Amino acid sequence: MVLASACFAVGGIFMKLSDGVSRPLPSAAFLLLFLLGAVLQSVALRRADLGVVYIAVLGLEAALTLVFSVLLFRESLSFARVLAVLLIVAGVLLLRRE
């Protein structure tokens, strides 16, 4: 699940760099990373419930994407954004405990 989340988050970086799918190399990179992320998520689904894996991958992806967006694109890091991601991660942790 962590690798799938990382693929989706890094794919998001290349999605932004693709400039609306107008740049071929970043576009190919994000498509390949999203495909790899989906394959890794599919493998994780063999051992866990759909709802848990899907939400866990999305939650981890959200946290990674927030960090990447601040570090790489100098996007703002507001209290509301941090709180939102913390709530998502808390929800993921609650799902994993079930």
N, C-alpha and C. Protein backbone atom coordinates (compact mmCIF):
# COMPACT_ATOMS: atom_id res chain seq x y z
N MET A 1 0.82 -1.20 0.00
CA MET A 1 0.00 0.00 0.00
C MET A 1 0.86 1.26 0.00
N VAL A 2 1.97 1.22 0.72
CA VAL A 2 2.85 2.38 0.77
C VAL A 2 3.46 2.65 -0.60
N LEU A 3 3.89 1.59 -1.28
CA LEU A 3 4.47 1.76 -2.62
C LEU A 3 3.43 2.27 -3.61
N ALA A 4 2.21 1.76 -3.52
CA ALA A 4 1.15 2.24 -4.40
C ALA A 4 0.90 3.72 -4.16
N SER A 5 0.84 4.12 -2.89
CA SER A 5 0.63 5.53 -2.55
C SER A 5 1.75 6.40 -3.09
N ALA A 6 2.98 5.91 -2.95
CA ALA A 6 4.13 6.68 -3.45
C ALA A 6 4.06 6.83 -4.97
N CYS A 7 3.67 5.77 -5.67
CA CYS A 7 3.54 5.86 -7.13
C CYS A 7 2.50 6.90 -7.52
N PHE A 8 1.36 6.89 -6.85
CA PHE A 8 0.31 7.85 -7.16
C PHE A 8 0.75 9.28 -6.83
N ALA A 9 1.44 9.46 -5.69
CA ALA A 9 1.88 10.81 -5.30
C ALA A 9 2.95 11.34 -6.25
N VAL A 10 3.93 10.51 -6.59
CA VAL A 10 4.97 10.95 -7.54
C VAL A 10 4.35 11.14 -8.92
N GLY A 11 3.39 10.29 -9.26
CA GLY A 11 2.66 10.47 -10.52
C GLY A 11 1.98 11.83 -10.56
N GLY A 12 1.47 12.27 -9.41
CA GLY A 12 0.85 13.59 -9.34
C GLY A 12 1.82 14.72 -9.63
N ILE A 13 3.07 14.54 -9.20
CA ILE A 13 4.10 15.53 -9.50
C ILE A 13 4.26 15.63 -11.02
N PHE A 14 4.39 14.46 -11.66
CA PHE A 14 4.56 14.48 -13.12
C PHE A 14 3.31 14.94 -13.83
N MET A 15 2.15 14.71 -13.23
CA MET A 15 0.91 15.22 -13.82
C MET A 15 0.95 16.74 -13.86
N LYS A 16 1.39 17.34 -12.77
CA LYS A 16 1.50 18.81 -12.74
C LYS A 16 2.54 19.28 -13.76
N LEU A 17 3.66 18.57 -13.84
CA LEU A 17 4.71 18.94 -14.78
C LEU A 17 4.31 18.71 -16.24
N SER A 18 3.30 17.88 -16.46
CA SER A 18 2.87 17.59 -17.84
C SER A 18 2.15 18.76 -18.49
N ASP A 19 1.77 19.75 -17.68
CA ASP A 19 1.10 20.95 -18.18
C ASP A 19 -0.15 20.59 -18.99
N GLY A 20 -1.03 19.85 -18.33
CA GLY A 20 -2.29 19.46 -18.99
C GLY A 20 -2.08 18.45 -20.10
N VAL A 21 -1.17 17.53 -19.90
CA VAL A 21 -0.82 16.46 -20.85
C VAL A 21 -0.28 17.04 -22.17
N SER A 22 0.35 18.20 -22.08
CA SER A 22 0.91 18.81 -23.29
C SER A 22 2.40 18.53 -23.45
N ARG A 23 3.03 18.00 -22.41
CA ARG A 23 4.45 17.67 -22.47
C ARG A 23 4.60 16.15 -22.44
N PRO A 24 5.15 15.55 -23.47
CA PRO A 24 5.15 14.09 -23.61
C PRO A 24 5.85 13.31 -22.50
N LEU A 25 7.05 13.71 -22.10
CA LEU A 25 7.78 12.91 -21.10
C LEU A 25 7.11 12.92 -19.72
N PRO A 26 6.76 14.09 -19.18
CA PRO A 26 6.05 14.06 -17.90
C PRO A 26 4.69 13.35 -18.01
N SER A 27 4.04 13.48 -19.15
CA SER A 27 2.75 12.80 -19.34
C SER A 27 2.93 11.29 -19.31
N ALA A 28 3.93 10.79 -20.01
CA ALA A 28 4.21 9.35 -20.01
C ALA A 28 4.59 8.88 -18.61
N ALA A 29 5.37 9.70 -17.89
CA ALA A 29 5.79 9.33 -16.54
C ALA A 29 4.59 9.21 -15.61
N PHE A 30 3.68 10.18 -15.64
CA PHE A 30 2.56 10.09 -14.71
C PHE A 30 1.62 8.94 -15.08
N LEU A 31 1.44 8.68 -16.34
CA LEU A 31 0.59 7.55 -16.73
C LEU A 31 1.20 6.22 -16.30
N LEU A 32 2.50 6.07 -16.48
CA LEU A 32 3.16 4.83 -16.06
C LEU A 32 3.15 4.67 -14.54
N LEU A 33 3.37 5.76 -13.82
CA LEU A 33 3.34 5.68 -12.36
C LEU A 33 1.94 5.37 -11.84
N PHE A 34 0.92 5.95 -12.47
CA PHE A 34 -0.45 5.64 -12.05
C PHE A 34 -0.78 4.19 -12.35
N LEU A 35 -0.33 3.69 -13.47
CA LEU A 35 -0.55 2.27 -13.79
C LEU A 35 0.16 1.38 -12.78
N LEU A 36 1.41 1.67 -12.48
CA LEU A 36 2.15 0.88 -11.49
C LEU A 36 1.48 0.96 -10.13
N GLY A 37 1.01 2.15 -9.75
CA GLY A 37 0.30 2.31 -8.48
C GLY A 37 -0.95 1.44 -8.43
N ALA A 38 -1.69 1.40 -9.53
CA ALA A 38 -2.91 0.59 -9.58
C ALA A 38 -2.57 -0.90 -9.48
N VAL A 39 -1.49 -1.32 -10.11
CA VAL A 39 -1.08 -2.73 -10.02
C VAL A 39 -0.68 -3.07 -8.59
N LEU A 40 0.10 -2.20 -7.95
CA LEU A 40 0.50 -2.45 -6.57
C LEU A 40 -0.70 -2.46 -5.63
N GLN A 41 -1.65 -1.57 -5.86
CA GLN A 41 -2.86 -1.54 -5.04
C GLN A 41 -3.66 -2.82 -5.25
N SER A 42 -3.71 -3.31 -6.46
CA SER A 42 -4.41 -4.57 -6.76
C SER A 42 -3.78 -5.73 -6.00
N VAL A 43 -2.46 -5.75 -5.94
CA VAL A 43 -1.76 -6.80 -5.18
C VAL A 43 -2.12 -6.71 -3.70
N ALA A 44 -2.17 -5.49 -3.17
CA ALA A 44 -2.54 -5.31 -1.76
C ALA A 44 -3.96 -5.78 -1.48
N LEU A 45 -4.83 -5.69 -2.47
CA LEU A 45 -6.23 -6.09 -2.29
C LEU A 45 -6.39 -7.60 -2.13
N ARG A 46 -5.37 -8.37 -2.48
CA ARG A 46 -5.45 -9.82 -2.29
C ARG A 46 -5.47 -10.18 -0.81
N ARG A 47 -4.92 -9.29 0.03
CA ARG A 47 -4.78 -9.62 1.44
C ARG A 47 -5.64 -8.77 2.37
N ALA A 48 -6.44 -7.88 1.82
CA ALA A 48 -7.21 -6.99 2.69
C ALA A 48 -8.50 -6.56 2.00
N ASP A 49 -9.38 -5.96 2.79
CA ASP A 49 -10.67 -5.50 2.29
C ASP A 49 -10.50 -4.31 1.36
N LEU A 50 -11.36 -4.22 0.36
CA LEU A 50 -11.33 -3.13 -0.61
C LEU A 50 -11.41 -1.78 0.07
N GLY A 51 -12.37 -1.61 0.96
CA GLY A 51 -12.55 -0.32 1.62
C GLY A 51 -11.33 0.12 2.40
N VAL A 52 -10.68 -0.80 3.06
CA VAL A 52 -9.51 -0.47 3.86
C VAL A 52 -8.33 -0.11 2.95
N VAL A 53 -8.04 -0.96 1.98
CA VAL A 53 -6.89 -0.71 1.10
C VAL A 53 -7.08 0.56 0.30
N TYR A 54 -8.25 0.72 -0.29
CA TYR A 54 -8.49 1.87 -1.15
C TYR A 54 -8.34 3.17 -0.38
N ILE A 55 -8.95 3.24 0.79
CA ILE A 55 -8.89 4.46 1.58
C ILE A 55 -7.49 4.67 2.15
N ALA A 56 -6.82 3.59 2.55
CA ALA A 56 -5.46 3.71 3.06
C ALA A 56 -4.51 4.27 1.99
N VAL A 57 -4.63 3.75 0.79
CA VAL A 57 -3.78 4.23 -0.31
C VAL A 57 -4.07 5.71 -0.58
N LEU A 58 -5.34 6.07 -0.64
CA LEU A 58 -5.69 7.47 -0.87
C LEU A 58 -5.20 8.38 0.26
N GLY A 59 -5.31 7.91 1.49
CA GLY A 59 -4.88 8.71 2.64
C GLY A 59 -3.38 8.93 2.65
N LEU A 60 -2.63 7.87 2.43
CA LEU A 60 -1.18 8.01 2.37
C LEU A 60 -0.75 8.87 1.20
N GLU A 61 -1.44 8.70 0.08
CA GLU A 61 -1.15 9.52 -1.09
C GLU A 61 -1.40 10.99 -0.79
N ALA A 62 -2.48 11.29 -0.08
CA ALA A 62 -2.79 12.69 0.26
C ALA A 62 -1.70 13.29 1.13
N ALA A 63 -1.21 12.55 2.10
CA ALA A 63 -0.16 13.05 2.98
C ALA A 63 1.13 13.28 2.19
N LEU A 64 1.52 12.32 1.37
CA LEU A 64 2.73 12.46 0.57
C LEU A 64 2.61 13.62 -0.41
N THR A 65 1.46 13.76 -1.03
CA THR A 65 1.25 14.81 -2.01
C THR A 65 1.35 16.19 -1.36
N LEU A 66 0.82 16.32 -0.16
CA LEU A 66 0.92 17.60 0.54
C LEU A 66 2.39 17.95 0.77
N VAL A 67 3.17 17.00 1.23
CA VAL A 67 4.60 17.24 1.47
C VAL A 67 5.31 17.60 0.17
N PHE A 68 5.06 16.82 -0.89
CA PHE A 68 5.70 17.09 -2.18
C PHE A 68 5.31 18.45 -2.73
N SER A 69 4.03 18.82 -2.58
CA SER A 69 3.58 20.10 -3.15
C SER A 69 4.26 21.27 -2.46
N VAL A 70 4.49 21.15 -1.16
CA VAL A 70 5.16 22.22 -0.43
C VAL A 70 6.64 22.27 -0.77
N LEU A 71 7.29 21.10 -0.79
CA LEU A 71 8.73 21.06 -1.03
C LEU A 71 9.11 21.37 -2.48
N LEU A 72 8.37 20.83 -3.43
CA LEU A 72 8.76 20.96 -4.83
C LEU A 72 8.15 22.16 -5.54
N PHE A 73 6.93 22.51 -5.18
CA PHE A 73 6.23 23.58 -5.90
C PHE A 73 6.00 24.83 -5.06
N ARG A 74 6.54 24.80 -3.84
CA ARG A 74 6.42 25.94 -2.93
C ARG A 74 4.97 26.35 -2.70
N GLU A 75 4.08 25.36 -2.68
CA GLU A 75 2.68 25.65 -2.40
C GLU A 75 2.51 25.92 -0.91
N SER A 76 1.48 26.62 -0.56
CA SER A 76 1.31 27.04 0.82
C SER A 76 0.95 25.85 1.72
N LEU A 77 1.39 25.98 2.95
CA LEU A 77 1.11 24.97 3.97
C LEU A 77 0.34 25.65 5.08
N SER A 78 -0.97 25.62 4.98
CA SER A 78 -1.81 26.28 5.97
C SER A 78 -2.20 25.30 7.06
N PHE A 79 -2.67 25.86 8.15
CA PHE A 79 -3.16 25.03 9.25
C PHE A 79 -4.29 24.13 8.78
N ALA A 80 -5.18 24.66 7.96
CA ALA A 80 -6.33 23.88 7.48
C ALA A 80 -5.87 22.68 6.64
N ARG A 81 -4.86 22.87 5.80
CA ARG A 81 -4.37 21.75 4.98
C ARG A 81 -3.73 20.67 5.85
N VAL A 82 -2.94 21.10 6.82
CA VAL A 82 -2.30 20.13 7.72
C VAL A 82 -3.37 19.38 8.51
N LEU A 83 -4.34 20.09 9.03
CA LEU A 83 -5.41 19.47 9.79
C LEU A 83 -6.19 18.48 8.92
N ALA A 84 -6.49 18.86 7.70
CA ALA A 84 -7.24 17.98 6.80
C ALA A 84 -6.49 16.67 6.56
N VAL A 85 -5.18 16.76 6.32
CA VAL A 85 -4.40 15.55 6.08
C VAL A 85 -4.29 14.73 7.36
N LEU A 86 -4.14 15.37 8.51
CA LEU A 86 -4.10 14.63 9.77
C LEU A 86 -5.41 13.89 10.02
N LEU A 87 -6.52 14.51 9.68
CA LEU A 87 -7.82 13.83 9.82
C LEU A 87 -7.92 12.63 8.88
N ILE A 88 -7.42 12.78 7.68
CA ILE A 88 -7.42 11.66 6.72
C ILE A 88 -6.56 10.52 7.26
N VAL A 89 -5.37 10.85 7.73
CA VAL A 89 -4.47 9.81 8.26
C VAL A 89 -5.09 9.16 9.50
N ALA A 90 -5.73 9.93 10.35
CA ALA A 90 -6.40 9.36 11.52
C ALA A 90 -7.50 8.39 11.08
N GLY A 91 -8.25 8.76 10.06
CA GLY A 91 -9.28 7.86 9.53
C GLY A 91 -8.69 6.57 8.98
N VAL A 92 -7.57 6.68 8.30
CA VAL A 92 -6.89 5.48 7.78
C VAL A 92 -6.45 4.59 8.92
N LEU A 93 -5.88 5.17 9.96
CA LEU A 93 -5.43 4.38 11.11
C LEU A 93 -6.61 3.69 11.80
N LEU A 94 -7.74 4.37 11.90
CA LEU A 94 -8.93 3.75 12.48
C LEU A 94 -9.42 2.60 11.63
N LEU A 95 -9.39 2.74 10.33
CA LEU A 95 -9.80 1.64 9.45
C LEU A 95 -8.88 0.44 9.60
N ARG A 96 -7.59 0.69 9.73
CA ARG A 96 -6.61 -0.40 9.84
C ARG A 96 -6.77 -1.17 11.16
N ARG A 97 -7.31 -0.54 12.19
CA ARG A 97 -7.48 -1.20 13.50
C ARG A 97 -8.66 -2.15 13.51
N GLU A 98 -9.57 -1.96 12.60
CA GLU A 98 -10.80 -2.77 12.59
C GLU A 98 -10.55 -4.22 12.31
